[in-house]
Amino acid sequence: MEQKKTKGKNSAKSYAQVSSPANDILKLRDAFPALPNKKIIEIHNATLNVIQPKGKKKISITTKGPSRKQAIVPLLSQHVNSIMNNAGLYVNSINGLLKGIKSTLRTEFIRPATESIIIITNNVPAPSDLSVIERYIKSIEGIGLNEVAAP
């Protein structure tokens, strides 16, 4: 006996064909014929945990705490003012020293803080950059090695 290959209602369907989103929507439509199409699609998407975007959302990025693009140098409070009086000179000197060690780091400005100065840089300082900055600040006349505040 010969078996005829039939293509139609009796042919076997794959799992992907049976469980396709279109079949799921049709099953929902059959189960809830009174609901509008928009509501059927919402129910279907909820069952798939699909959230449809409503336009582009802007990502908001905020940071709390200090920036990593800085070096914080603890100083005794009487030295903070003397550093700030000549901050432009110190920025140029630090940049010259960093350039001398072929570092890409550059000091942008110095700002005062309570018992410290904050040296804002163009990038995150490497340990070698931090040691150059620290040695320079400690070498400034009037600020001895023992006169830097403990961290």
Foldseek 3Di string as FASTA:
>chain_A
DDDDDDDDDPDDDDPCVCPPLVNVLVVLCVVCVPDDSVVSVVVSCVVVVHDDDPDDDDDDDDDDDDDLQKDKFFFAPVVLVVCVVPFVVLQVVLQVVCVVVVHPKHFDTWDDDVRIIITGIPDRDDPVSNVSSRVVVCPPPPRHPVRGDDD
